[in-house]
Amino acid sequence: MSTSRLSLGIPGLDRILHGGFIANRAYLVRGQPGSGKTILGLQFLLAGTQRGERSLYITLGESTNQIQENGALIGFDLSAIDFLDLSPKAEFFTQQQTYDIFAPAEVERDPVTQAIVEQIETIRPRRVFVDAMTQFRYLASDSFQFRKQILSFLNFLGQQGSTVLFTSESGGGHLDDDVQFLSDGIVNLEFFDDRRLLYVTKFRGSDFEPGKHSFKIKYNIGLDVFPRLTISEPPQEFKLEKIPSGIPAIDELLNGGIERGTVTMLTGPSGVGKTTLGTQWMKEAAGRGERSAIYLFEELEDTFFHRCEAVNIPVRIMQERGTLSVKAVD
C-alpha cells in the first residue's frame, strides 16, 4: 500500500500528522455538533481539487444545497467538489411509505449501496468525505452487519484508490466505538468554554504530535490549527556573545549587555519603563541588521507605536524594513 501523504489543506494539522494523511486509508473525525467536523472535511476535499484531484462528498444528513450554502457563508467555493446526496428528501415526509413484509433497512440498503458504487466507479475520486458514517447503522439489521458493511465499504473505497475521511454521530443509545476500531486514524475536535481544541488519538503507520492543540475557525480559511510548542527540534547554532542595549550606563551595569540565547525578565511597577527598555534592545538590534519580534498582551499596536515614537524609537520604520515584527495577542 502506498505511503505517500495527502495534505489536508490545514498547515497546522499537516504538521501534527507529520505531513498529512497516508493515502488510500480511512480516517475518522469526531466531535460534538458545532465543533468543526464538516469544515475540516470540506478543507480536505478542497485541498484535493486545488491539486487537480477529484473529490467526492457523500452526505447522509444535510442536503447538498445546505452544505453549499453553509460553505459559501464561510467563504468556500465548493463548485469543484462532486456531491452524492443521500439525505432524506421532503417526499419521504409528504408521501407515506411503509413496508409490510420487509424491514426498511432491507428495502433501502440496496439503492443506497448502488448509488455509491456507481458514483465512485464513474468519477474515481482521490478523496472522499462521508458525513456521517454512522448513518449506515440504520441500513443494517444488527451491529454485526453494520460493522461488516462499513468494513467492506472502506475496503471498496481503498481498492478504488480513494483516501476517506468520515464523521461519526453518537446518540440514541449508540456509541461510535465500532467505527473507531475500523478507522486508520482518529482526529478529535472539542469546543467548550469558548476554546476549540484538536487532538489525535490514533494514526496507523505513522507517528504524530501528541497532546491537545488549539484552533480557530476563520472566514475564507476554515480551521486554523496551532500545534503545541515543543522542543523536539535540535537547537539552532548561534554565537555566544553579549547583546548591548545601546544605553552606555545599562550596558556597563550588565558588563556589556545580556547574553544571546538566554531569557531575561524586566520587572517593576507600572510606568517605570519596562516596555521602553525592552524595545530599546530591539532598536539596537535593528541597527545591526538583526530581526526582532515583540508580542503585546495588554496594549494595542497603535498605542505601542505612538508611545515608542514619542521617545525616539522608530518602530514603524523598523517594521517596514522587516527588522521588527509586532504582534498583538488577544
Protein backbone atom coordinates (compact mmCIF):
# COMPACT_ATOMS: atom_id res chain seq x y z
CA MET A 1 0.00 0.00 0.00
CA SER A 2 1.23 3.49 -0.83
CA THR A 3 2.73 5.52 1.99
CA SER A 4 2.53 8.85 0.16
CA ARG A 5 1.00 11.70 2.15
CA LEU A 6 -2.05 13.80 1.34
CA SER A 7 -2.21 17.33 2.71
CA LEU A 8 -5.46 18.27 4.43
CA GLY A 9 -5.11 21.89 3.35
CA ILE A 10 -4.60 22.81 7.02
CA PRO A 11 -0.88 23.55 7.59
CA GLY A 12 -1.08 23.17 11.37
CA LEU A 13 -2.84 19.80 11.17
CA ASP A 14 -0.46 18.59 8.45
CA ARG A 15 2.38 19.39 10.84
CA ILE A 16 0.70 17.45 13.67
CA LEU A 17 0.29 14.45 11.32
CA HIS A 18 3.88 14.78 10.07
CA GLY A 19 2.83 15.60 6.53
CA GLY A 20 -0.85 14.68 6.32
CA PHE A 21 -2.92 11.53 5.87
CA ILE A 22 -1.38 8.37 4.41
CA ALA A 23 -3.00 7.79 1.02
CA ASN A 24 -5.63 5.09 0.40
CA ARG A 25 -6.65 4.80 4.04
CA ALA A 26 -9.72 5.80 6.07
CA TYR A 27 -9.79 8.38 8.85
CA LEU A 28 -12.41 9.40 11.39
CA VAL A 29 -13.05 12.95 12.64
CA ARG A 30 -15.05 13.06 15.89
CA GLY A 31 -16.62 15.87 17.88
CA GLN A 32 -19.84 17.29 19.24
CA PRO A 33 -22.17 19.33 17.00
CA GLY A 34 -20.59 22.65 16.06
CA SER A 35 -17.03 21.54 16.67
CA GLY A 36 -15.98 21.91 13.01
CA LYS A 37 -16.12 18.37 11.57
CA THR A 38 -17.82 19.34 8.31
CA ILE A 39 -15.50 22.32 7.78
CA LEU A 40 -12.46 20.06 8.22
CA GLY A 41 -13.94 17.66 5.69
CA LEU A 42 -14.51 20.47 3.18
CA GLN A 43 -10.91 21.67 3.58
CA PHE A 44 -9.72 18.11 2.96
CA LEU A 45 -11.72 17.95 -0.28
CA LEU A 46 -10.77 21.46 -1.42
CA ALA A 47 -7.08 20.67 -0.91
CA GLY A 48 -7.58 17.87 -3.43
CA THR A 49 -9.42 19.94 -6.04
CA GLN A 50 -6.68 22.59 -5.85
CA ARG A 51 -4.25 19.86 -6.92
CA GLY A 52 -6.47 18.70 -9.78
CA GLU A 53 -7.83 15.67 -7.89
CA ARG A 54 -11.46 14.54 -8.00
CA SER A 55 -13.11 14.95 -4.60
CA LEU A 56 -16.46 13.46 -3.54
CA TYR A 57 -18.72 14.49 -0.67
CA ILE A 58 -21.21 11.76 0.36
CA THR A 59 -23.86 13.28 2.59
CA LEU A 60 -26.43 11.26 4.50
CA GLY A 61 -27.69 14.11 6.69
CA GLU A 62 -27.65 17.63 5.28
CA SER A 63 -28.71 18.22 1.69
CA THR A 64 -26.23 19.35 -0.94
CA ASN A 65 -27.87 22.78 -1.10
CA GLN A 66 -27.50 23.25 2.65
CA ILE A 67 -23.82 22.27 2.56
CA GLN A 68 -23.07 24.58 -0.35
CA GLU A 69 -24.90 27.50 1.28
CA ASN A 70 -23.11 26.96 4.60
CA GLY A 71 -19.80 26.66 2.77
CA ALA A 72 -20.40 29.96 0.98
CA LEU A 73 -21.09 31.64 4.33
CA ILE A 74 -17.51 30.89 5.44
CA GLY A 75 -16.02 31.82 2.06
CA PHE A 76 -15.64 28.37 0.46
CA ASP A 77 -16.21 27.84 -3.28
CA LEU A 78 -17.43 24.22 -3.49
CA SER A 79 -18.16 24.22 -7.22
CA ALA A 80 -15.25 21.84 -7.99
CA ILE A 81 -16.42 19.21 -5.46
CA ASP A 82 -18.69 16.34 -6.57
CA PHE A 83 -21.65 15.60 -4.29
CA LEU A 84 -23.64 12.42 -3.73
CA ASP A 85 -26.76 13.46 -1.84
CA LEU A 86 -28.27 10.54 0.11
CA SER A 87 -30.07 12.74 2.63
CA PRO A 88 -33.81 12.22 3.20
CA LYS A 89 -35.97 14.07 0.67
CA ALA A 90 -39.06 16.10 1.51
CA GLU A 91 -41.20 13.49 -0.30
CA PHE A 92 -40.38 10.98 2.44
CA PHE A 93 -42.46 13.07 4.85
CA THR A 94 -45.24 14.11 2.46
CA GLN A 95 -45.75 10.64 0.96
CA GLN A 96 -46.43 7.89 3.47
CA GLN A 97 -44.11 4.96 2.82
CA THR A 98 -44.50 1.73 4.77
CA TYR A 99 -43.01 -1.71 4.31
CA ASP A 100 -45.36 -4.52 5.26
CA ILE A 101 -43.14 -7.54 4.51
CA PHE A 102 -39.54 -6.38 4.58
CA ALA A 103 -37.78 -4.20 7.15
CA PRO A 104 -36.98 -0.64 5.98
CA ALA A 105 -33.24 -1.34 6.24
CA GLU A 106 -33.52 -4.26 3.82
CA VAL A 107 -35.50 -2.18 1.29
CA GLU A 108 -33.38 0.97 1.36
CA ARG A 109 -29.89 -0.54 1.71
CA ASP A 110 -29.52 -1.74 -1.87
CA PRO A 111 -30.43 1.59 -3.61
CA VAL A 112 -28.02 3.47 -1.34
CA THR A 113 -25.23 0.98 -1.97
CA GLN A 114 -25.83 1.03 -5.73
CA ALA A 115 -25.77 4.84 -5.83
CA ILE A 116 -22.43 4.93 -4.01
CA VAL A 117 -20.82 2.25 -6.18
CA GLU A 118 -21.96 3.93 -9.40
CA GLN A 119 -20.67 7.34 -8.32
CA ILE A 120 -17.30 6.01 -7.16
CA GLU A 121 -16.73 3.97 -10.32
CA THR A 122 -17.80 6.88 -12.53
CA ILE A 123 -15.65 9.70 -11.18
CA ARG A 124 -12.85 7.70 -9.45
CA PRO A 125 -12.34 10.26 -6.64
CA ARG A 126 -8.94 10.55 -4.98
CA ARG A 127 -10.58 11.95 -1.83
CA VAL A 128 -13.93 11.01 -0.28
CA PHE A 129 -15.68 12.64 2.69
CA VAL A 130 -18.62 10.75 4.26
CA ASP A 131 -20.88 12.70 6.62
CA ALA A 132 -21.90 10.82 8.74
CA MET A 133 -20.73 7.22 8.51
CA THR A 134 -22.84 6.12 11.48
CA GLN A 135 -26.00 6.80 9.43
CA PHE A 136 -25.32 3.45 7.77
CA ARG A 137 -26.25 1.86 11.10
CA TYR A 138 -29.91 2.32 10.20
CA LEU A 139 -29.41 0.32 7.00
CA ALA A 140 -28.12 -2.71 8.91
CA SER A 141 -30.20 -5.25 10.81
CA ASP A 142 -27.75 -5.55 13.72
CA SER A 143 -24.35 -4.39 14.97
CA PHE A 144 -22.51 -7.25 13.31
CA GLN A 145 -24.00 -6.43 9.90
CA PHE A 146 -23.25 -2.73 10.40
CA ARG A 147 -19.59 -3.40 11.21
CA LYS A 148 -19.29 -5.81 8.26
CA GLN A 149 -20.98 -3.33 5.93
CA ILE A 150 -18.70 -0.45 6.95
CA LEU A 151 -15.54 -2.56 6.65
CA SER A 152 -16.48 -3.74 3.16
CA PHE A 153 -17.37 -0.16 2.17
CA LEU A 154 -13.98 1.16 3.30
CA ASN A 155 -12.17 -1.70 1.57
CA PHE A 156 -14.04 -0.91 -1.64
CA LEU A 157 -13.03 2.75 -1.50
CA GLY A 158 -9.41 1.84 -0.78
CA GLN A 159 -9.32 -0.52 -3.76
CA GLN A 160 -10.60 2.34 -5.94
CA GLY A 161 -7.62 4.49 -4.90
CA SER A 162 -9.58 6.77 -2.56
CA THR A 163 -8.48 8.27 0.74
CA VAL A 164 -11.50 8.56 3.02
CA LEU A 165 -12.38 10.97 5.79
CA PHE A 166 -15.65 10.34 7.63
CA THR A 167 -17.55 11.68 10.61
CA SER A 168 -19.50 9.84 13.29
CA GLU A 169 -22.54 10.58 15.40
CA SER A 170 -23.08 9.36 18.97
CA GLY A 171 -26.53 9.30 20.49
CA GLY A 172 -29.78 7.43 20.71
CA GLY A 173 -28.12 4.69 22.75
CA HIS A 174 -25.40 4.13 20.11
CA LEU A 175 -21.72 4.89 20.52
CA ASP A 176 -19.20 5.17 17.69
CA ASP A 177 -16.73 2.67 19.15
CA ASP A 178 -17.12 0.33 16.19
CA VAL A 179 -16.12 2.92 13.57
CA GLN A 180 -13.19 3.98 15.76
CA PHE A 181 -11.81 0.44 15.58
CA LEU A 182 -12.30 0.33 11.80
CA SER A 183 -10.53 3.63 11.07
CA ASP A 184 -6.82 4.05 10.37
CA GLY A 185 -6.68 7.30 12.33
CA ILE A 186 -8.83 9.49 14.57
CA VAL A 187 -8.88 13.28 14.78
CA ASN A 188 -10.89 14.62 17.73
CA LEU A 189 -12.40 18.11 17.91
CA GLU A 190 -13.56 19.76 21.13
CA PHE A 191 -15.42 23.01 21.75
CA PHE A 192 -16.11 24.24 25.27
CA ASP A 193 -15.80 27.49 27.25
CA ASP A 194 -15.04 29.38 24.01
CA ARG A 195 -11.99 27.16 23.43
CA ARG A 196 -11.51 24.90 20.42
CA LEU A 197 -9.07 22.01 20.78
CA LEU A 198 -7.87 19.29 18.39
CA TYR A 199 -6.01 16.10 19.22
CA VAL A 200 -5.09 12.83 17.50
CA THR A 201 -5.63 9.52 19.31
CA LYS A 202 -4.80 7.07 16.53
CA PHE A 203 -2.67 7.14 13.38
CA ARG A 204 -1.67 3.77 11.97
CA GLY A 205 1.71 3.58 10.27
CA SER A 206 2.98 6.95 11.46
CA ASP A 207 3.92 8.99 14.48
CA PHE A 208 2.15 12.28 15.26
CA GLU A 209 2.41 15.24 17.60
CA PRO A 210 0.59 14.26 20.82
CA GLY A 211 -1.42 16.46 23.14
CA LYS A 212 -4.21 18.96 22.62
CA HIS A 213 -3.71 21.73 20.06
CA SER A 214 -5.72 24.94 19.80
CA PHE A 215 -7.54 26.00 16.65
CA LYS A 216 -9.87 28.69 15.38
CA ILE A 217 -12.49 28.74 12.63
CA LYS A 218 -11.92 31.71 10.34
CA TYR A 219 -13.76 33.10 7.34
CA ASN A 220 -12.24 32.06 4.00
CA ILE A 221 -9.76 29.82 5.83
CA GLY A 222 -11.72 27.28 7.87
CA LEU A 223 -9.83 25.50 10.62
CA ASP A 224 -6.62 27.33 11.53
CA VAL A 225 -4.67 24.94 13.79
CA PHE A 226 -1.88 25.97 16.17
CA PRO A 227 0.29 22.97 17.13
CA ARG A 228 1.61 22.83 20.68
CA LEU A 229 5.09 24.26 21.07
CA THR A 230 7.69 21.54 21.55
CA ILE A 231 11.47 21.39 21.85
CA SER A 232 11.86 18.27 19.75
CA GLU A 233 13.84 20.10 17.08
CA PRO A 234 17.61 20.45 17.66
CA PRO A 235 18.67 23.88 18.93
CA GLN A 236 19.91 26.35 16.36
CA GLU A 237 23.61 27.10 16.50
CA PHE A 238 24.49 30.67 17.38
CA LYS A 239 27.44 32.70 18.62
CA LEU A 240 27.69 33.20 22.37
CA GLU A 241 28.07 36.93 22.78
CA LYS A 242 26.82 40.00 24.63
CA ILE A 243 23.89 41.94 23.16
CA PRO A 244 24.13 45.64 24.07
CA SER A 245 21.09 47.84 24.67
CA GLY A 246 22.72 50.93 23.21
CA ILE A 247 22.43 52.69 26.58
CA PRO A 248 26.02 53.02 27.93
CA ALA A 249 25.08 53.04 31.61
CA ILE A 250 22.83 49.96 31.28
CA ASP A 251 25.44 48.07 29.25
CA GLU A 252 28.09 48.92 31.85
CA LEU A 253 25.89 47.54 34.65
CA LEU A 254 25.36 44.34 32.64
CA ASN A 255 29.06 44.00 31.77
CA GLY A 256 28.37 44.60 28.07
CA GLY A 257 24.69 43.60 27.77
CA ILE A 258 22.52 40.49 28.03
CA GLU A 259 23.81 37.16 26.71
CA ARG A 260 22.44 35.77 23.45
CA GLY A 261 20.41 32.59 23.92
CA THR A 262 19.24 33.44 27.45
CA VAL A 263 15.96 34.66 28.96
CA THR A 264 15.88 37.99 30.80
CA MET A 265 12.87 39.35 32.71
CA LEU A 266 12.25 43.07 33.13
CA THR A 267 10.15 43.63 36.25
CA GLY A 268 8.81 46.63 38.11
CA PRO A 269 5.60 48.63 38.75
CA SER A 270 3.60 50.29 36.01
CA GLY A 271 5.24 53.29 34.36
CA VAL A 272 8.88 52.62 35.25
CA GLY A 273 9.90 51.97 31.62
CA LYS A 274 9.88 48.18 31.15
CA THR A 275 8.39 48.33 27.64
CA THR A 276 10.63 51.22 26.60
CA LEU A 277 13.79 49.48 27.83
CA GLY A 278 12.87 46.22 26.14
CA THR A 279 12.10 47.96 22.84
CA GLN A 280 15.43 49.79 23.08
CA TRP A 281 17.17 46.43 22.67
CA MET A 282 15.11 45.86 19.51
CA LYS A 283 16.14 49.26 18.16
CA GLU A 284 19.81 48.48 18.73
CA ALA A 285 19.42 45.08 17.05
CA ALA A 286 17.75 46.71 14.02
CA GLY A 287 20.78 48.97 13.66
CA ARG A 288 22.90 45.83 13.26
CA GLY A 289 20.51 44.40 10.66
CA GLU A 290 19.09 41.76 13.02
CA ARG A 291 15.41 40.87 13.22
CA SER A 292 13.33 41.04 16.41
CA ALA A 293 9.76 40.24 17.48
CA ILE A 294 7.50 41.88 20.05
CA TYR A 295 4.28 40.28 21.36
CA LEU A 296 1.80 42.61 23.05
CA PHE A 297 -0.67 41.09 25.51
CA GLU A 298 -2.03 44.22 27.21
CA GLU A 299 -1.65 47.04 24.67
CA LEU A 300 -2.91 47.88 21.20
CA GLU A 301 -0.39 48.18 18.38
CA ASP A 302 -1.27 51.81 17.63
CA THR A 303 -0.80 52.78 21.29
CA PHE A 304 2.54 50.96 21.38
CA PHE A 305 3.74 52.67 18.19
CA HIS A 306 2.72 56.11 19.48
CA ARG A 307 4.49 55.63 22.81
CA CYS A 308 7.71 54.38 21.19
CA GLU A 309 7.90 57.18 18.64
CA ALA A 310 7.41 59.70 21.47
CA VAL A 311 10.76 58.56 22.94
CA ASN A 312 12.54 58.40 19.55
CA ILE A 313 12.24 54.64 18.91
CA PRO A 314 11.15 54.37 15.22
CA VAL A 315 9.21 51.11 15.45
CA ARG A 316 7.09 51.80 12.33
CA ILE A 317 10.21 52.26 10.22
CA MET A 318 11.75 49.14 11.74
CA GLN A 319 8.61 47.17 10.88
CA GLU A 320 8.54 48.50 7.30
CA ARG A 321 12.18 47.47 6.81
CA GLY A 322 11.50 43.97 8.11
CA THR A 323 13.76 44.20 11.16
CA LEU A 324 10.83 44.15 13.63
CA SER A 325 7.61 42.18 13.86
CA VAL A 326 4.93 43.43 16.27
CA LYS A 327 2.01 41.14 17.12
CA ALA A 328 -0.86 41.99 19.46
CA VAL A 329 -2.14 38.79 21.10
CA ASP A 330 -5.76 38.66 22.28
